[in-house]
Amino acid sequence: MNAERGKLVSGGRLQIPSRVRRELGLKDGDSVVMTLAEGELRVRPLRDVVAAIQLRLRRHVPEGVSLSEELIADRRAEAADD
């Protein structure tokens, strides 16, 4: 993608050009993650950030293991001990 021109409008809102929104798959109301790096603003869809984190974590979890199920089981065991 080439550089696109956006616009800062009232209230600090950033208008993202429609072509950029389409390419990122963004629709009104979608959540994004914004990071600053070396004076630049990077905007990514939240779903993409979550998917990347899940992929990174999956490498450290054995096949067939569900961390959420393990956490729930731990919490239930703790609650039963009380």
N, C-alpha and C. Protein backbone atom coordinates (compact mmCIF):
# COMPACT_ATOMS: atom_id res chain seq x y z
N MET A 1 0.85 -1.18 0.00
CA MET A 1 0.00 0.00 0.00
C MET A 1 0.89 1.23 0.00
N ASN A 2 0.51 2.19 -0.77
CA ASN A 2 1.22 3.47 -0.79
C ASN A 2 0.74 4.32 0.38
N ALA A 3 1.44 5.40 0.63
CA ALA A 3 1.04 6.33 1.69
C ALA A 3 -0.32 6.92 1.36
N GLU A 4 -1.12 7.08 2.37
CA GLU A 4 -2.45 7.67 2.23
C GLU A 4 -2.53 8.90 3.12
N ARG A 5 -3.33 9.83 2.72
CA ARG A 5 -3.51 11.04 3.50
C ARG A 5 -4.81 10.95 4.29
N GLY A 6 -4.70 11.14 5.60
CA GLY A 6 -5.88 11.18 6.47
C GLY A 6 -6.03 12.59 7.00
N LYS A 7 -6.92 12.74 7.97
CA LYS A 7 -7.16 14.07 8.50
C LYS A 7 -7.54 13.97 9.97
N LEU A 8 -6.98 14.88 10.76
CA LEU A 8 -7.35 14.98 12.17
C LEU A 8 -8.51 15.96 12.26
N VAL A 9 -9.62 15.51 12.84
CA VAL A 9 -10.81 16.35 12.93
C VAL A 9 -11.12 16.64 14.40
N SER A 10 -12.22 17.32 14.65
CA SER A 10 -12.55 17.75 16.01
C SER A 10 -12.53 16.59 17.01
N GLY A 11 -12.11 16.91 18.20
CA GLY A 11 -12.06 15.91 19.27
C GLY A 11 -10.88 14.96 19.14
N GLY A 12 -9.92 15.28 18.26
CA GLY A 12 -8.76 14.41 18.10
C GLY A 12 -9.03 13.17 17.28
N ARG A 13 -10.15 13.13 16.59
CA ARG A 13 -10.49 11.96 15.77
C ARG A 13 -9.66 11.96 14.50
N LEU A 14 -9.24 10.77 14.12
CA LEU A 14 -8.45 10.61 12.91
C LEU A 14 -9.32 9.98 11.84
N GLN A 15 -9.46 10.65 10.73
CA GLN A 15 -10.22 10.09 9.61
C GLN A 15 -9.28 9.21 8.81
N ILE A 16 -9.62 7.94 8.73
CA ILE A 16 -8.82 6.99 7.96
C ILE A 16 -9.48 6.83 6.60
N PRO A 17 -8.74 6.99 5.52
CA PRO A 17 -9.33 6.88 4.19
C PRO A 17 -10.01 5.52 3.98
N SER A 18 -11.09 5.53 3.21
CA SER A 18 -11.88 4.31 3.01
C SER A 18 -11.06 3.17 2.41
N ARG A 19 -10.12 3.49 1.53
CA ARG A 19 -9.30 2.45 0.93
C ARG A 19 -8.46 1.73 2.00
N VAL A 20 -7.95 2.48 2.96
CA VAL A 20 -7.16 1.90 4.04
C VAL A 20 -8.06 1.05 4.93
N ARG A 21 -9.25 1.56 5.26
CA ARG A 21 -10.19 0.79 6.09
C ARG A 21 -10.56 -0.52 5.41
N ARG A 22 -10.81 -0.47 4.12
CA ARG A 22 -11.16 -1.70 3.39
C ARG A 22 -10.00 -2.69 3.43
N GLU A 23 -8.79 -2.20 3.19
CA GLU A 23 -7.64 -3.10 3.17
C GLU A 23 -7.39 -3.74 4.53
N LEU A 24 -7.67 -3.00 5.60
CA LEU A 24 -7.52 -3.54 6.95
C LEU A 24 -8.76 -4.32 7.41
N GLY A 25 -9.82 -4.26 6.63
CA GLY A 25 -11.06 -4.95 7.01
C GLY A 25 -11.76 -4.28 8.18
N LEU A 26 -11.60 -2.97 8.29
CA LEU A 26 -12.21 -2.22 9.41
C LEU A 26 -13.59 -1.70 9.04
N LYS A 27 -14.50 -1.81 9.99
CA LYS A 27 -15.85 -1.27 9.85
C LYS A 27 -16.12 -0.36 11.04
N ASP A 28 -17.13 0.49 10.92
CA ASP A 28 -17.49 1.38 12.03
C ASP A 28 -17.65 0.58 13.32
N GLY A 29 -17.05 1.08 14.37
CA GLY A 29 -17.17 0.44 15.68
C GLY A 29 -16.11 -0.61 15.98
N ASP A 30 -15.31 -1.01 14.97
CA ASP A 30 -14.26 -1.99 15.22
C ASP A 30 -13.20 -1.41 16.16
N SER A 31 -12.63 -2.26 17.00
CA SER A 31 -11.57 -1.84 17.89
C SER A 31 -10.22 -1.97 17.18
N VAL A 32 -9.34 -1.03 17.47
CA VAL A 32 -8.00 -1.05 16.90
C VAL A 32 -6.98 -0.90 18.03
N VAL A 33 -5.75 -1.28 17.73
CA VAL A 33 -4.64 -1.08 18.65
C VAL A 33 -3.71 -0.08 17.98
N MET A 34 -3.33 0.96 18.73
CA MET A 34 -2.45 1.99 18.20
C MET A 34 -1.15 1.97 18.98
N THR A 35 -0.05 2.00 18.25
CA THR A 35 1.26 2.06 18.89
C THR A 35 2.06 3.19 18.25
N LEU A 36 2.91 3.80 19.06
CA LEU A 36 3.82 4.83 18.57
C LEU A 36 5.22 4.25 18.51
N ALA A 37 5.88 4.44 17.37
CA ALA A 37 7.25 3.97 17.21
C ALA A 37 8.01 4.98 16.37
N GLU A 38 9.03 5.55 16.98
CA GLU A 38 9.89 6.50 16.28
C GLU A 38 9.09 7.62 15.61
N GLY A 39 8.12 8.15 16.34
CA GLY A 39 7.33 9.26 15.85
C GLY A 39 6.25 8.89 14.85
N GLU A 40 6.00 7.61 14.67
CA GLU A 40 4.96 7.16 13.74
C GLU A 40 3.85 6.46 14.50
N LEU A 41 2.63 6.61 14.01
CA LEU A 41 1.47 5.95 14.58
C LEU A 41 1.15 4.72 13.76
N ARG A 42 1.06 3.59 14.43
CA ARG A 42 0.71 2.34 13.76
C ARG A 42 -0.66 1.92 14.26
N VAL A 43 -1.57 1.65 13.33
CA VAL A 43 -2.95 1.26 13.66
C VAL A 43 -3.20 -0.13 13.11
N ARG A 44 -3.62 -1.05 14.00
CA ARG A 44 -3.91 -2.42 13.58
C ARG A 44 -5.24 -2.86 14.16
N PRO A 45 -5.99 -3.66 13.43
CA PRO A 45 -7.24 -4.19 13.98
C PRO A 45 -6.95 -5.03 15.22
N LEU A 46 -7.75 -4.87 16.26
CA LEU A 46 -7.56 -5.63 17.49
C LEU A 46 -7.59 -7.12 17.21
N ARG A 47 -8.47 -7.57 16.34
CA ARG A 47 -8.58 -9.01 16.05
C ARG A 47 -7.26 -9.56 15.52
N ASP A 48 -6.53 -8.78 14.73
CA ASP A 48 -5.24 -9.23 14.20
C ASP A 48 -4.19 -9.32 15.29
N VAL A 49 -4.21 -8.37 16.22
CA VAL A 49 -3.27 -8.38 17.33
C VAL A 49 -3.53 -9.59 18.23
N VAL A 50 -4.79 -9.85 18.54
CA VAL A 50 -5.15 -11.00 19.38
C VAL A 50 -4.75 -12.30 18.69
N ALA A 51 -5.01 -12.42 17.39
CA ALA A 51 -4.65 -13.63 16.65
C ALA A 51 -3.14 -13.86 16.67
N ALA A 52 -2.36 -12.79 16.54
CA ALA A 52 -0.90 -12.93 16.56
C ALA A 52 -0.42 -13.40 17.93
N ILE A 53 -1.02 -12.86 18.99
CA ILE A 53 -0.64 -13.27 20.35
C ILE A 53 -1.02 -14.73 20.58
N GLN A 54 -2.21 -15.12 20.14
CA GLN A 54 -2.64 -16.51 20.31
C GLN A 54 -1.70 -17.47 19.58
N LEU A 55 -1.28 -17.10 18.38
CA LEU A 55 -0.36 -17.93 17.61
C LEU A 55 0.98 -18.08 18.34
N ARG A 56 1.48 -16.97 18.88
CA ARG A 56 2.74 -17.02 19.63
C ARG A 56 2.64 -17.91 20.85
N LEU A 57 1.54 -17.79 21.58
CA LEU A 57 1.36 -18.59 22.79
C LEU A 57 1.14 -20.06 22.48
N ARG A 58 0.47 -20.35 21.38
CA ARG A 58 0.13 -21.72 21.02
C ARG A 58 1.40 -22.57 20.89
N ARG A 59 2.51 -21.97 20.49
CA ARG A 59 3.78 -22.70 20.34
C ARG A 59 4.27 -23.27 21.67
N HIS A 60 3.82 -22.69 22.78
CA HIS A 60 4.30 -23.10 24.09
C HIS A 60 3.31 -24.00 24.84
N VAL A 61 2.20 -24.33 24.18
CA VAL A 61 1.18 -25.15 24.82
C VAL A 61 1.07 -26.47 24.06
N PRO A 62 1.20 -27.59 24.78
CA PRO A 62 1.11 -28.89 24.09
C PRO A 62 -0.23 -29.07 23.37
N GLU A 63 -0.19 -29.84 22.30
CA GLU A 63 -1.40 -30.14 21.52
C GLU A 63 -2.46 -30.77 22.42
N GLY A 64 -3.68 -30.33 22.28
CA GLY A 64 -4.79 -30.89 23.04
C GLY A 64 -4.98 -30.26 24.42
N VAL A 65 -4.12 -29.35 24.81
CA VAL A 65 -4.23 -28.69 26.12
C VAL A 65 -4.96 -27.36 25.94
N SER A 66 -5.94 -27.13 26.79
CA SER A 66 -6.67 -25.86 26.78
C SER A 66 -6.32 -25.10 28.06
N LEU A 67 -5.62 -23.99 27.88
CA LEU A 67 -5.24 -23.21 29.06
C LEU A 67 -6.46 -22.65 29.79
N SER A 68 -7.49 -22.29 29.05
CA SER A 68 -8.68 -21.75 29.70
C SER A 68 -9.38 -22.84 30.53
N GLU A 69 -9.42 -24.06 30.01
CA GLU A 69 -10.03 -25.14 30.78
C GLU A 69 -9.21 -25.45 32.03
N GLU A 70 -7.89 -25.40 31.92
CA GLU A 70 -7.04 -25.61 33.08
C GLU A 70 -7.25 -24.52 34.13
N LEU A 71 -7.37 -23.28 33.68
CA LEU A 71 -7.60 -22.17 34.60
C LEU A 71 -8.94 -22.34 35.32
N ILE A 72 -9.98 -22.69 34.57
CA ILE A 72 -11.31 -22.89 35.18
C ILE A 72 -11.25 -24.02 36.20
N ALA A 73 -10.57 -25.11 35.86
CA ALA A 73 -10.45 -26.24 36.80
C ALA A 73 -9.71 -25.81 38.06
N ASP A 74 -8.64 -25.03 37.89
CA ASP A 74 -7.90 -24.53 39.07
C ASP A 74 -8.79 -23.67 39.95
N ARG A 75 -9.55 -22.77 39.33
CA ARG A 75 -10.43 -21.88 40.10
C ARG A 75 -11.51 -22.67 40.83
N ARG A 76 -12.06 -23.68 40.17
CA ARG A 76 -13.08 -24.51 40.83
C ARG A 76 -12.49 -25.27 42.01
N ALA A 77 -11.28 -25.76 41.85
CA ALA A 77 -10.61 -26.49 42.93
C ALA A 77 -10.35 -25.54 44.10
N GLU A 78 -9.91 -24.32 43.81
CA GLU A 78 -9.68 -23.34 44.86
C GLU A 78 -10.98 -22.99 45.57
N ALA A 79 -12.07 -22.84 44.82
CA ALA A 79 -13.36 -22.50 45.42
C ALA A 79 -13.87 -23.65 46.30
N ALA A 80 -13.60 -24.88 45.89
CA ALA A 80 -14.04 -26.03 46.66
C ALA A 80 -13.26 -26.15 47.97
N ASP A 81 -12.03 -25.67 47.99
CA ASP A 81 -11.21 -25.72 49.20
C ASP A 81 -11.64 -24.71 50.24
N ASP A 82 -12.34 -23.66 49.81
CA ASP A 82 -12.75 -22.59 50.75
C ASP A 82 -13.89 -22.99 51.61
